Amino acid sequence: KQSFPLQVIRVQRTANQAPACIFAGVHGNEVAGTEAALSLIEALAKDKTLYPHTNFVILPLVNPWGWERGFRYNFAGQDIARNFALEGTQETALIKALLAREHCQLVVDLHEDSTHSGFYLLTYANPDPAFTPKLVQEVANELGIAAAENVPQGVYQIAAKEFATNSRPTLSQYAREQGVKQTYIIETPMELPLEQRVMIHRRVLDSLIKN
């Protein structure tokens, strides 16, 4: 039998502050999110002044078995991202326990998309409805990379009915249901070079963390 531990990196910048919680590599074949999470960890370690008022809990690789094989699913052929309800998976059980323990103030799940030609941002909650589409457009203009065109303004806002009745919530929706006030999923297009996809993740993360 093989064992693949899930590594958790904690960065403590300030006392009595709930952390920003970042997850990547839920799908083993979506590598840009893991690269972006590792890049952020390295930057935080090198620069003690980076995000001086924010604590972090980062899981850079939720699905190490799938990542090692370039495979979307886990060892049991389960889609971790769609198993935060029902019977769940070994990975979702660990993440649920972590969310209960950490009381995250922000959850961001880094993903990739093999079908859309632009990047987009899924959100389950934000007090300002203009924030997400504005952020997507700012990043698109700044990096010269298109936002996805077949979702409104590169953004998919979950309808209240779907949110309430979805029997297979994502990590971000599960976190929202547990009381995390702001939860997001970043999706980058696999057709772009890896360096550009990592750049998108880092740039969107930067704005989400600062806000």
N, C-alpha and C. Protein backbone atom coordinates (compact mmCIF):
# COMPACT_ATOMS: atom_id res chain seq x y z
N LYS A 1 0.83 -1.19 0.00
CA LYS A 1 0.00 0.00 0.00
C LYS A 1 0.87 1.25 0.00
N GLN A 2 0.37 2.28 -0.67
CA GLN A 2 1.05 3.56 -0.70
C GLN A 2 0.31 4.58 0.16
N SER A 3 1.07 5.49 0.74
CA SER A 3 0.49 6.56 1.54
C SER A 3 0.91 7.90 0.95
N PHE A 4 -0.07 8.78 0.74
CA PHE A 4 0.20 10.11 0.20
C PHE A 4 -0.32 11.16 1.18
N PRO A 5 0.53 11.63 2.07
CA PRO A 5 0.07 12.65 3.04
C PRO A 5 -0.25 13.96 2.35
N LEU A 6 -1.23 14.69 2.90
CA LEU A 6 -1.55 16.01 2.40
C LEU A 6 -0.77 17.03 3.22
N GLN A 7 0.13 17.74 2.56
CA GLN A 7 0.97 18.72 3.25
C GLN A 7 0.19 20.00 3.49
N VAL A 8 0.29 20.52 4.71
CA VAL A 8 -0.37 21.77 5.09
C VAL A 8 0.71 22.76 5.51
N ILE A 9 0.74 23.92 4.86
CA ILE A 9 1.71 24.97 5.20
C ILE A 9 0.95 26.09 5.89
N ARG A 10 1.41 26.44 7.06
CA ARG A 10 0.81 27.54 7.82
C ARG A 10 1.79 28.69 7.91
N VAL A 11 1.30 29.89 7.65
CA VAL A 11 2.11 31.10 7.77
C VAL A 11 1.40 32.03 8.75
N GLN A 12 2.06 32.31 9.86
CA GLN A 12 1.47 33.15 10.91
C GLN A 12 2.12 34.53 10.84
N ARG A 13 1.35 35.51 10.41
CA ARG A 13 1.84 36.88 10.30
C ARG A 13 1.40 37.75 11.47
N THR A 14 0.21 37.45 12.02
CA THR A 14 -0.35 38.32 13.04
C THR A 14 -1.18 37.50 14.00
N ALA A 15 -1.33 37.98 15.21
CA ALA A 15 -2.07 37.24 16.24
C ALA A 15 -3.57 37.43 16.08
N ASN A 16 -4.31 36.42 16.50
CA ASN A 16 -5.77 36.50 16.58
C ASN A 16 -6.43 36.89 15.26
N GLN A 17 -5.94 36.32 14.18
CA GLN A 17 -6.50 36.61 12.86
C GLN A 17 -6.82 35.29 12.16
N ALA A 18 -8.06 35.11 11.75
CA ALA A 18 -8.42 33.91 11.00
C ALA A 18 -7.67 33.89 9.67
N PRO A 19 -7.24 32.73 9.20
CA PRO A 19 -6.39 32.68 8.02
C PRO A 19 -7.15 32.74 6.70
N ALA A 20 -6.41 33.10 5.66
CA ALA A 20 -6.85 32.87 4.29
C ALA A 20 -6.44 31.44 3.96
N CYS A 21 -7.39 30.62 3.50
CA CYS A 21 -7.13 29.20 3.25
C CYS A 21 -7.14 28.94 1.74
N ILE A 22 -6.05 28.40 1.24
CA ILE A 22 -5.88 28.22 -0.20
C ILE A 22 -5.64 26.74 -0.49
N PHE A 23 -6.38 26.21 -1.46
CA PHE A 23 -6.31 24.79 -1.82
C PHE A 23 -5.97 24.68 -3.31
N ALA A 24 -5.15 23.70 -3.66
CA ALA A 24 -4.80 23.49 -5.06
C ALA A 24 -4.60 22.00 -5.31
N GLY A 25 -4.62 21.62 -6.57
CA GLY A 25 -4.36 20.23 -6.92
C GLY A 25 -5.46 19.27 -6.51
N VAL A 26 -6.70 19.75 -6.41
CA VAL A 26 -7.83 18.86 -6.12
C VAL A 26 -8.00 17.87 -7.26
N HIS A 27 -7.81 18.35 -8.49
CA HIS A 27 -7.74 17.49 -9.66
C HIS A 27 -6.27 17.33 -10.04
N GLY A 28 -5.80 16.09 -10.06
CA GLY A 28 -4.38 15.83 -10.22
C GLY A 28 -3.78 16.30 -11.52
N ASN A 29 -4.59 16.47 -12.55
CA ASN A 29 -4.08 16.90 -13.86
C ASN A 29 -4.13 18.41 -14.05
N GLU A 30 -4.52 19.16 -13.01
CA GLU A 30 -4.59 20.62 -13.10
C GLU A 30 -3.41 21.20 -12.32
N VAL A 31 -2.29 21.32 -13.01
CA VAL A 31 -1.01 21.56 -12.32
C VAL A 31 -0.72 23.02 -12.02
N ALA A 32 -1.35 23.94 -12.73
CA ALA A 32 -1.01 25.36 -12.56
C ALA A 32 -1.37 25.86 -11.17
N GLY A 33 -2.46 25.37 -10.61
CA GLY A 33 -2.85 25.80 -9.28
C GLY A 33 -1.82 25.40 -8.23
N THR A 34 -1.32 24.17 -8.35
CA THR A 34 -0.28 23.72 -7.42
C THR A 34 0.99 24.54 -7.58
N GLU A 35 1.37 24.82 -8.81
CA GLU A 35 2.57 25.65 -9.05
C GLU A 35 2.37 27.05 -8.47
N ALA A 36 1.17 27.59 -8.60
CA ALA A 36 0.91 28.93 -8.06
C ALA A 36 0.94 28.92 -6.54
N ALA A 37 0.37 27.88 -5.93
CA ALA A 37 0.38 27.78 -4.47
C ALA A 37 1.81 27.65 -3.95
N LEU A 38 2.63 26.84 -4.60
CA LEU A 38 4.03 26.69 -4.20
C LEU A 38 4.79 28.00 -4.39
N SER A 39 4.47 28.71 -5.45
CA SER A 39 5.09 30.01 -5.71
C SER A 39 4.75 31.00 -4.60
N LEU A 40 3.49 30.99 -4.16
CA LEU A 40 3.07 31.86 -3.07
C LEU A 40 3.78 31.49 -1.77
N ILE A 41 3.89 30.21 -1.48
CA ILE A 41 4.57 29.76 -0.27
C ILE A 41 6.02 30.23 -0.28
N GLU A 42 6.68 30.08 -1.41
CA GLU A 42 8.08 30.52 -1.53
C GLU A 42 8.20 32.02 -1.32
N ALA A 43 7.28 32.79 -1.90
CA ALA A 43 7.32 34.24 -1.76
C ALA A 43 7.09 34.65 -0.31
N LEU A 44 6.16 33.99 0.38
CA LEU A 44 5.89 34.30 1.78
C LEU A 44 7.11 33.99 2.66
N ALA A 45 7.81 32.91 2.33
CA ALA A 45 8.98 32.53 3.11
C ALA A 45 10.13 33.50 2.92
N LYS A 46 10.26 34.02 1.71
CA LYS A 46 11.39 34.91 1.39
C LYS A 46 11.15 36.35 1.86
N ASP A 47 9.90 36.78 1.85
CA ASP A 47 9.59 38.18 2.14
C ASP A 47 8.65 38.28 3.33
N LYS A 48 9.18 38.59 4.49
CA LYS A 48 8.38 38.66 5.71
C LYS A 48 7.40 39.84 5.70
N THR A 49 7.60 40.78 4.78
CA THR A 49 6.70 41.94 4.69
C THR A 49 5.53 41.70 3.72
N LEU A 50 5.52 40.56 3.05
CA LEU A 50 4.45 40.25 2.10
C LEU A 50 3.18 39.88 2.87
N TYR A 51 2.09 40.58 2.62
CA TYR A 51 0.83 40.39 3.33
C TYR A 51 1.07 40.35 4.84
N PRO A 52 1.57 41.44 5.42
CA PRO A 52 1.99 41.42 6.83
C PRO A 52 0.84 41.24 7.83
N HIS A 53 -0.39 41.45 7.38
CA HIS A 53 -1.54 41.35 8.29
C HIS A 53 -2.42 40.15 7.99
N THR A 54 -1.90 39.19 7.22
CA THR A 54 -2.70 38.04 6.81
C THR A 54 -2.00 36.74 7.18
N ASN A 55 -2.72 35.85 7.83
CA ASN A 55 -2.23 34.50 8.09
C ASN A 55 -2.73 33.57 6.99
N PHE A 56 -2.00 32.49 6.77
CA PHE A 56 -2.33 31.57 5.68
C PHE A 56 -2.34 30.13 6.15
N VAL A 57 -3.25 29.36 5.56
CA VAL A 57 -3.21 27.90 5.60
C VAL A 57 -3.28 27.46 4.14
N ILE A 58 -2.25 26.79 3.66
CA ILE A 58 -2.17 26.46 2.23
C ILE A 58 -1.97 24.95 2.06
N LEU A 59 -2.85 24.33 1.28
CA LEU A 59 -2.68 22.93 0.86
C LEU A 59 -2.36 22.96 -0.63
N PRO A 60 -1.09 22.89 -1.00
CA PRO A 60 -0.73 23.04 -2.40
C PRO A 60 -1.06 21.83 -3.28
N LEU A 61 -1.33 20.66 -2.65
CA LEU A 61 -1.61 19.47 -3.45
C LEU A 61 -2.58 18.57 -2.69
N VAL A 62 -3.86 18.73 -2.99
CA VAL A 62 -4.91 17.95 -2.33
C VAL A 62 -4.96 16.52 -2.85
N ASN A 63 -4.57 16.31 -4.11
CA ASN A 63 -4.67 14.99 -4.74
C ASN A 63 -3.29 14.53 -5.24
N PRO A 64 -2.37 14.18 -4.32
CA PRO A 64 -1.02 13.80 -4.74
C PRO A 64 -0.99 12.52 -5.59
N TRP A 65 -1.90 11.59 -5.33
CA TRP A 65 -1.94 10.35 -6.13
C TRP A 65 -2.27 10.68 -7.59
N GLY A 66 -3.28 11.52 -7.78
CA GLY A 66 -3.65 11.90 -9.14
C GLY A 66 -2.60 12.75 -9.81
N TRP A 67 -1.97 13.66 -9.04
CA TRP A 67 -0.93 14.53 -9.61
C TRP A 67 0.26 13.71 -10.10
N GLU A 68 0.64 12.70 -9.36
CA GLU A 68 1.77 11.86 -9.74
C GLU A 68 1.53 11.15 -11.06
N ARG A 69 0.26 10.90 -11.38
CA ARG A 69 -0.11 10.16 -12.59
C ARG A 69 -0.73 11.04 -13.67
N GLY A 70 -0.86 12.34 -13.42
CA GLY A 70 -1.52 13.21 -14.37
C GLY A 70 -2.98 12.87 -14.55
N PHE A 71 -3.63 12.46 -13.45
CA PHE A 71 -4.98 11.92 -13.48
C PHE A 71 -5.90 12.83 -12.67
N ARG A 72 -7.07 13.09 -13.20
CA ARG A 72 -8.01 14.01 -12.55
C ARG A 72 -8.49 13.49 -11.19
N TYR A 73 -8.77 12.20 -11.12
CA TYR A 73 -9.43 11.63 -9.95
C TYR A 73 -8.43 11.10 -8.92
N ASN A 74 -8.95 10.68 -7.76
CA ASN A 74 -8.07 10.10 -6.75
C ASN A 74 -7.87 8.60 -7.01
N PHE A 75 -7.21 7.91 -6.10
CA PHE A 75 -6.85 6.51 -6.31
C PHE A 75 -8.07 5.60 -6.47
N ALA A 76 -9.21 6.02 -5.93
CA ALA A 76 -10.42 5.22 -6.02
C ALA A 76 -11.29 5.62 -7.20
N GLY A 77 -10.77 6.49 -8.08
CA GLY A 77 -11.54 6.94 -9.23
C GLY A 77 -12.62 7.94 -8.88
N GLN A 78 -12.48 8.61 -7.74
CA GLN A 78 -13.48 9.58 -7.29
C GLN A 78 -13.03 11.00 -7.62
N ASP A 79 -14.00 11.84 -7.96
CA ASP A 79 -13.74 13.25 -8.18
C ASP A 79 -13.84 13.95 -6.83
N ILE A 80 -12.70 14.29 -6.26
CA ILE A 80 -12.67 14.89 -4.92
C ILE A 80 -13.51 16.16 -4.89
N ALA A 81 -13.45 16.95 -5.96
CA ALA A 81 -14.16 18.24 -5.99
C ALA A 81 -15.67 18.10 -5.93
N ARG A 82 -16.19 16.92 -6.25
CA ARG A 82 -17.63 16.72 -6.27
C ARG A 82 -18.09 15.77 -5.15
N ASN A 83 -17.26 15.61 -4.14
CA ASN A 83 -17.59 14.66 -3.08
C ASN A 83 -17.52 15.28 -1.70
N PHE A 84 -17.96 16.53 -1.58
CA PHE A 84 -18.01 17.16 -0.27
C PHE A 84 -19.37 16.95 0.40
N ALA A 85 -20.18 16.11 -0.21
CA ALA A 85 -21.42 15.65 0.42
C ALA A 85 -21.47 14.14 0.18
N LEU A 86 -22.61 13.55 0.44
CA LEU A 86 -22.78 12.11 0.26
C LEU A 86 -21.72 11.35 1.05
N GLU A 87 -21.09 10.35 0.44
CA GLU A 87 -20.16 9.52 1.21
C GLU A 87 -18.79 10.15 1.39
N GLY A 88 -18.43 11.09 0.50
CA GLY A 88 -17.14 11.77 0.62
C GLY A 88 -15.97 10.89 0.22
N THR A 89 -14.77 11.42 0.38
CA THR A 89 -13.53 10.69 0.09
C THR A 89 -12.58 10.86 1.27
N GLN A 90 -11.47 10.13 1.24
CA GLN A 90 -10.46 10.32 2.28
C GLN A 90 -9.99 11.77 2.31
N GLU A 91 -9.81 12.34 1.11
CA GLU A 91 -9.32 13.71 1.03
C GLU A 91 -10.33 14.72 1.56
N THR A 92 -11.60 14.54 1.19
CA THR A 92 -12.61 15.49 1.66
C THR A 92 -12.77 15.42 3.17
N ALA A 93 -12.63 14.24 3.75
CA ALA A 93 -12.73 14.11 5.21
C ALA A 93 -11.64 14.91 5.90
N LEU A 94 -10.42 14.86 5.36
CA LEU A 94 -9.31 15.62 5.94
C LEU A 94 -9.54 17.13 5.80
N ILE A 95 -10.05 17.54 4.63
CA ILE A 95 -10.27 18.97 4.39
C ILE A 95 -11.41 19.50 5.27
N LYS A 96 -12.47 18.71 5.42
CA LYS A 96 -13.57 19.12 6.30
C LYS A 96 -13.08 19.34 7.72
N ALA A 97 -12.22 18.44 8.19
CA ALA A 97 -11.67 18.58 9.55
C ALA A 97 -10.82 19.83 9.65
N LEU A 98 -10.04 20.10 8.60
CA LEU A 98 -9.19 21.29 8.60
C LEU A 98 -10.03 22.56 8.62
N LEU A 99 -11.09 22.61 7.80
CA LEU A 99 -11.95 23.79 7.76
C LEU A 99 -12.61 24.03 9.12
N ALA A 100 -13.03 22.96 9.77
CA ALA A 100 -13.65 23.09 11.08
C ALA A 100 -12.67 23.64 12.11
N ARG A 101 -11.41 23.28 11.96
CA ARG A 101 -10.39 23.68 12.92
C ARG A 101 -9.88 25.09 12.68
N GLU A 102 -9.76 25.49 11.42
CA GLU A 102 -9.06 26.73 11.09
C GLU A 102 -9.95 27.97 11.08
N HIS A 103 -11.26 27.81 10.86
CA HIS A 103 -12.17 28.96 10.82
C HIS A 103 -11.69 30.01 9.80
N CYS A 104 -11.48 29.58 8.57
CA CYS A 104 -10.94 30.44 7.52
C CYS A 104 -11.84 31.66 7.28
N GLN A 105 -11.23 32.81 7.02
CA GLN A 105 -12.02 33.99 6.64
C GLN A 105 -12.16 34.09 5.13
N LEU A 106 -11.34 33.37 4.40
CA LEU A 106 -11.37 33.34 2.93
C LEU A 106 -10.95 31.95 2.49
N VAL A 107 -11.66 31.39 1.53
CA VAL A 107 -11.27 30.11 0.92
C VAL A 107 -11.16 30.31 -0.58
N VAL A 108 -10.01 29.92 -1.14
CA VAL A 108 -9.81 29.97 -2.59
C VAL A 108 -9.34 28.60 -3.06
N ASP A 109 -10.00 28.05 -4.07
CA ASP A 109 -9.68 26.74 -4.62
C ASP A 109 -9.19 26.95 -6.05
N LEU A 110 -7.96 26.53 -6.33
CA LEU A 110 -7.32 26.80 -7.63
C LEU A 110 -7.54 25.62 -8.58
N HIS A 111 -8.14 25.92 -9.73
CA HIS A 111 -8.48 24.88 -10.70
C HIS A 111 -8.07 25.30 -12.11
N GLU A 112 -8.26 24.35 -13.05
CA GLU A 112 -8.02 24.62 -14.47
C GLU A 112 -9.16 24.05 -15.29
N ASP A 113 -9.29 24.56 -16.52
CA ASP A 113 -10.40 24.19 -17.39
C ASP A 113 -9.85 23.81 -18.76
N SER A 114 -10.22 22.63 -19.23
CA SER A 114 -9.72 22.15 -20.52
C SER A 114 -10.63 22.51 -21.68
N THR A 115 -11.78 23.14 -21.42
CA THR A 115 -12.75 23.42 -22.48
C THR A 115 -12.94 24.89 -22.78
N HIS A 116 -12.77 25.77 -21.78
CA HIS A 116 -12.94 27.20 -22.01
C HIS A 116 -11.63 27.84 -22.47
N SER A 117 -11.74 28.88 -23.28
CA SER A 117 -10.54 29.52 -23.83
C SER A 117 -10.06 30.69 -22.99
N GLY A 118 -10.82 31.09 -21.99
CA GLY A 118 -10.41 32.20 -21.14
C GLY A 118 -10.48 31.79 -19.67
N PHE A 119 -9.97 32.65 -18.80
CA PHE A 119 -10.04 32.34 -17.38
C PHE A 119 -11.30 32.94 -16.77
N TYR A 120 -11.71 32.40 -15.65
CA TYR A 120 -12.89 32.92 -14.98
C TYR A 120 -12.82 32.64 -13.49
N LEU A 121 -13.76 33.22 -12.77
CA LEU A 121 -13.76 33.18 -11.32
C LEU A 121 -15.16 32.81 -10.84
N LEU A 122 -15.27 31.68 -10.15
CA LEU A 122 -16.54 31.27 -9.56
C LEU A 122 -16.60 31.80 -8.13
N THR A 123 -17.75 32.27 -7.72
CA THR A 123 -17.87 32.76 -6.36
C THR A 123 -19.19 32.34 -5.75
N TYR A 124 -19.17 32.06 -4.47
CA TYR A 124 -20.37 31.68 -3.74
C TYR A 124 -20.86 32.79 -2.82
N ALA A 125 -20.02 33.79 -2.59
CA ALA A 125 -20.46 34.88 -1.71
C ALA A 125 -19.49 36.04 -1.80
N ASN A 126 -20.03 37.24 -1.93
CA ASN A 126 -19.24 38.46 -1.81
C ASN A 126 -20.22 39.60 -1.52
N PRO A 127 -19.95 40.39 -0.50
CA PRO A 127 -20.88 41.49 -0.17
C PRO A 127 -21.07 42.48 -1.31
N ASP A 128 -20.07 42.62 -2.18
CA ASP A 128 -20.15 43.57 -3.30
C ASP A 128 -20.28 42.79 -4.60
N PRO A 129 -21.47 42.77 -5.23
CA PRO A 129 -21.65 41.98 -6.45
C PRO A 129 -20.81 42.45 -7.62
N ALA A 130 -20.33 43.70 -7.59
CA ALA A 130 -19.51 44.22 -8.69
C ALA A 130 -18.04 43.82 -8.54
N PHE A 131 -17.65 43.34 -7.37
CA PHE A 131 -16.24 43.06 -7.11
C PHE A 131 -15.66 42.01 -8.05
N THR A 132 -16.37 40.88 -8.19
CA THR A 132 -15.81 39.76 -8.95
C THR A 132 -15.67 40.08 -10.44
N PRO A 133 -16.71 40.56 -11.14
CA PRO A 133 -16.52 40.88 -12.56
C PRO A 133 -15.48 41.97 -12.78
N LYS A 134 -15.42 42.93 -11.87
CA LYS A 134 -14.42 44.00 -12.00
C LYS A 134 -13.01 43.43 -11.88
N LEU A 135 -12.82 42.52 -10.92
CA LEU A 135 -11.51 41.90 -10.74
C LEU A 135 -11.09 41.10 -11.96
N VAL A 136 -12.01 40.31 -12.51
CA VAL A 136 -11.70 39.52 -13.70
C VAL A 136 -11.25 40.42 -14.85
N GLN A 137 -11.97 41.51 -15.06
CA GLN A 137 -11.62 42.41 -16.16
C GLN A 137 -10.29 43.10 -15.92
N GLU A 138 -10.02 43.50 -14.68
CA GLU A 138 -8.74 44.13 -14.35
C GLU A 138 -7.58 43.19 -14.65
N VAL A 139 -7.71 41.94 -14.23
CA VAL A 139 -6.63 40.97 -14.45
C VAL A 139 -6.47 40.69 -15.94
N ALA A 140 -7.59 40.56 -16.66
CA ALA A 140 -7.53 40.31 -18.10
C ALA A 140 -6.80 41.45 -18.81
N ASN A 141 -7.14 42.69 -18.46
CA ASN A 141 -6.50 43.85 -19.10
C ASN A 141 -5.03 43.94 -18.73
N GLU A 142 -4.72 43.71 -17.47
CA GLU A 142 -3.34 43.84 -17.00
C GLU A 142 -2.41 42.81 -17.63
N LEU A 143 -2.88 41.57 -17.74
CA LEU A 143 -2.03 40.48 -18.24
C LEU A 143 -2.18 40.26 -19.74
N GLY A 144 -3.18 40.89 -20.35
CA GLY A 144 -3.40 40.69 -21.78
C GLY A 144 -3.89 39.29 -22.09
N ILE A 145 -4.66 38.72 -21.15
CA ILE A 145 -5.19 37.37 -21.31
C ILE A 145 -6.71 37.44 -21.22
N ALA A 146 -7.40 36.80 -22.12
CA ALA A 146 -8.85 36.94 -22.22
C ALA A 146 -9.57 36.29 -21.05
N ALA A 147 -10.66 36.91 -20.65
CA ALA A 147 -11.60 36.26 -19.73
C ALA A 147 -12.49 35.33 -20.54
N ALA A 148 -13.02 34.31 -19.91
CA ALA A 148 -13.92 33.38 -20.61
C ALA A 148 -15.14 34.14 -21.11
N GLU A 149 -15.58 33.81 -22.33
CA GLU A 149 -16.66 34.56 -22.95
C GLU A 149 -18.04 33.93 -22.76
N ASN A 150 -18.09 32.64 -22.48
CA ASN A 150 -19.39 31.98 -22.41
C ASN A 150 -19.92 31.84 -20.99
N VAL A 151 -19.37 32.64 -20.09
CA VAL A 151 -19.99 32.85 -18.77
C VAL A 151 -20.04 34.36 -18.58
N PRO A 152 -21.07 34.89 -17.95
CA PRO A 152 -21.24 36.35 -17.88
C PRO A 152 -20.04 37.07 -17.29
N GLN A 153 -19.39 37.91 -18.11
CA GLN A 153 -18.26 38.73 -17.70
C GLN A 153 -17.12 37.89 -17.11
N GLY A 154 -17.04 36.62 -17.53
CA GLY A 154 -16.00 35.76 -17.00
C GLY A 154 -16.28 35.29 -15.59
N VAL A 155 -17.52 35.45 -15.15
CA VAL A 155 -17.86 35.14 -13.76
C VAL A 155 -19.13 34.29 -13.72
N TYR A 156 -19.15 33.31 -12.85
CA TYR A 156 -20.35 32.51 -12.66
C TYR A 156 -20.83 32.67 -11.23
N GLN A 157 -21.93 33.36 -11.05
CA GLN A 157 -22.51 33.54 -9.73
C GLN A 157 -23.51 32.41 -9.50
N ILE A 158 -23.36 31.68 -8.41
CA ILE A 158 -24.24 30.55 -8.13
C ILE A 158 -25.62 31.05 -7.71
N ALA A 159 -26.65 30.58 -8.39
CA ALA A 159 -28.02 30.98 -8.03
C ALA A 159 -28.39 30.42 -6.67
N ALA A 160 -29.24 31.14 -5.96
CA ALA A 160 -29.63 30.72 -4.61
C ALA A 160 -30.26 29.32 -4.62
N LYS A 161 -31.08 29.03 -5.63
CA LYS A 161 -31.74 27.73 -5.69
C LYS A 161 -30.71 26.62 -5.89
N GLU A 162 -29.76 26.85 -6.80
CA GLU A 162 -28.73 25.84 -7.04
C GLU A 162 -27.87 25.65 -5.80
N PHE A 163 -27.54 26.76 -5.15
CA PHE A 163 -26.72 26.68 -3.94
C PHE A 163 -27.41 25.84 -2.87
N ALA A 164 -28.71 26.01 -2.75
CA ALA A 164 -29.45 25.34 -1.68
C ALA A 164 -29.73 23.88 -1.98
N THR A 165 -29.77 23.51 -3.26
CA THR A 165 -30.20 22.15 -3.62
C THR A 165 -29.09 21.28 -4.19
N ASN A 166 -27.89 21.82 -4.38
CA ASN A 166 -26.79 21.04 -4.96
C ASN A 166 -26.40 19.91 -4.02
N SER A 167 -26.55 18.69 -4.47
CA SER A 167 -26.23 17.53 -3.62
C SER A 167 -24.75 17.17 -3.66
N ARG A 168 -24.01 17.81 -4.55
CA ARG A 168 -22.58 17.49 -4.67
C ARG A 168 -21.78 18.79 -4.66
N PRO A 169 -21.74 19.47 -3.54
CA PRO A 169 -21.07 20.78 -3.50
C PRO A 169 -19.57 20.69 -3.69
N THR A 170 -19.00 21.74 -4.23
CA THR A 170 -17.55 21.85 -4.35
C THR A 170 -16.96 22.19 -2.99
N LEU A 171 -15.64 22.18 -2.92
CA LEU A 171 -14.94 22.58 -1.70
C LEU A 171 -15.37 23.98 -1.27
N SER A 172 -15.41 24.90 -2.22
CA SER A 172 -15.77 26.29 -1.90
C SER A 172 -17.21 26.41 -1.44
N GLN A 173 -18.12 25.66 -2.07
CA GLN A 173 -19.51 25.74 -1.61
C GLN A 173 -19.64 25.12 -0.23
N TYR A 174 -18.96 24.02 0.02
CA TYR A 174 -19.00 23.40 1.33
C TYR A 174 -18.50 24.40 2.39
N ALA A 175 -17.39 25.08 2.08
CA ALA A 175 -16.85 26.07 3.02
C ALA A 175 -17.86 27.17 3.28
N ARG A 176 -18.55 27.62 2.23
CA ARG A 176 -19.56 28.67 2.40
C ARG A 176 -20.68 28.18 3.30
N GLU A 177 -21.09 26.95 3.12
CA GLU A 177 -22.15 26.39 3.95
C GLU A 177 -21.72 26.27 5.42
N GLN A 178 -20.41 26.19 5.63
CA GLN A 178 -19.89 26.10 7.00
C GLN A 178 -19.62 27.48 7.61
N GLY A 179 -19.96 28.54 6.88
CA GLY A 179 -19.89 29.87 7.45
C GLY A 179 -18.74 30.74 6.97
N VAL A 180 -17.92 30.26 6.04
CA VAL A 180 -16.86 31.11 5.48
C VAL A 180 -17.53 32.18 4.62
N LYS A 181 -17.23 33.43 4.89
CA LYS A 181 -17.98 34.51 4.27
C LYS A 181 -17.66 34.71 2.79
N GLN A 182 -16.42 34.45 2.39
CA GLN A 182 -16.05 34.63 0.98
C GLN A 182 -15.31 33.39 0.48
N THR A 183 -15.84 32.79 -0.55
CA THR A 183 -15.25 31.58 -1.13
C THR A 183 -15.20 31.71 -2.65
N TYR A 184 -14.11 31.25 -3.23
CA TYR A 184 -13.89 31.43 -4.67
C TYR A 184 -13.24 30.20 -5.30
N ILE A 185 -13.46 30.05 -6.60
CA ILE A 185 -12.74 29.07 -7.41
C ILE A 185 -12.14 29.82 -8.59
N ILE A 186 -10.82 29.76 -8.74
CA ILE A 186 -10.16 30.34 -9.91
C ILE A 186 -9.99 29.24 -10.95
N GLU A 187 -10.37 29.52 -12.19
CA GLU A 187 -10.24 28.56 -13.29
C GLU A 187 -9.38 29.18 -14.40
N THR A 188 -8.29 28.50 -14.75
CA THR A 188 -7.43 28.97 -15.84
C THR A 188 -7.52 28.00 -17.01
N PRO A 189 -7.39 28.50 -18.24
CA PRO A 189 -7.52 27.64 -19.43
C PRO A 189 -6.24 26.84 -19.69
N MET A 190 -6.37 25.53 -19.80
CA MET A 190 -5.21 24.66 -20.00
C MET A 190 -4.49 24.90 -21.32
N GLU A 191 -5.18 25.56 -22.25
CA GLU A 191 -4.56 25.80 -23.56
C GLU A 191 -3.42 26.81 -23.49
N LEU A 192 -3.38 27.62 -22.45
CA LEU A 192 -2.30 28.60 -22.29
C LEU A 192 -1.04 27.93 -21.74
N PRO A 193 0.14 28.53 -22.01
CA PRO A 193 1.37 28.01 -21.40
C PRO A 193 1.28 28.03 -19.88
N LEU A 194 1.95 27.09 -19.25
CA LEU A 194 1.89 26.96 -17.79
C LEU A 194 2.27 28.26 -17.09
N GLU A 195 3.28 28.93 -17.57
CA GLU A 195 3.72 30.17 -16.93
C GLU A 195 2.61 31.20 -16.88
N GLN A 196 1.83 31.32 -17.95
CA GLN A 196 0.74 32.29 -17.97
C GLN A 196 -0.38 31.89 -17.03
N ARG A 197 -0.66 30.60 -16.96
CA ARG A 197 -1.72 30.12 -16.07
C ARG A 197 -1.34 30.37 -14.61
N VAL A 198 -0.10 30.12 -14.26
CA VAL A 198 0.37 30.39 -12.90
C VAL A 198 0.26 31.89 -12.60
N MET A 199 0.60 32.71 -13.58
CA MET A 199 0.54 34.16 -13.42
C MET A 199 -0.89 34.62 -13.13
N ILE A 200 -1.87 34.04 -13.82
CA ILE A 200 -3.27 34.39 -13.58
C ILE A 200 -3.66 34.04 -12.15
N HIS A 201 -3.34 32.82 -11.73
CA HIS A 201 -3.67 32.41 -10.37
C HIS A 201 -3.07 33.35 -9.33
N ARG A 202 -1.79 33.68 -9.51
CA ARG A 202 -1.12 34.54 -8.54
C ARG A 202 -1.73 35.95 -8.53
N ARG A 203 -2.06 36.47 -9.69
CA ARG A 203 -2.60 37.82 -9.77
C ARG A 203 -4.00 37.89 -9.15
N VAL A 204 -4.85 36.90 -9.44
CA VAL A 204 -6.18 36.90 -8.84
C VAL A 204 -6.08 36.67 -7.34
N LEU A 205 -5.23 35.76 -6.92
CA LEU A 205 -5.02 35.52 -5.49
C LEU A 205 -4.61 36.80 -4.78
N ASP A 206 -3.72 37.55 -5.41
CA ASP A 206 -3.23 38.78 -4.80
C ASP A 206 -4.38 39.73 -4.47
N SER A 207 -5.31 39.89 -5.41
CA SER A 207 -6.45 40.78 -5.17
C SER A 207 -7.40 40.22 -4.14
N LEU A 208 -7.64 38.92 -4.18
CA LEU A 208 -8.55 38.32 -3.20
C LEU A 208 -7.97 38.45 -1.78
N ILE A 209 -6.69 38.22 -1.64
CA ILE A 209 -6.05 38.33 -0.32
C ILE A 209 -6.10 39.76 0.19
N LYS A 210 -5.76 40.71 -0.67
CA LYS A 210 -5.74 42.10 -0.26
C LYS A 210 -7.12 42.62 0.10
N ASN A 211 -8.13 42.09 -0.55
CA ASN A 211 -9.50 42.55 -0.27
C ASN A 211 -10.15 41.83 0.89
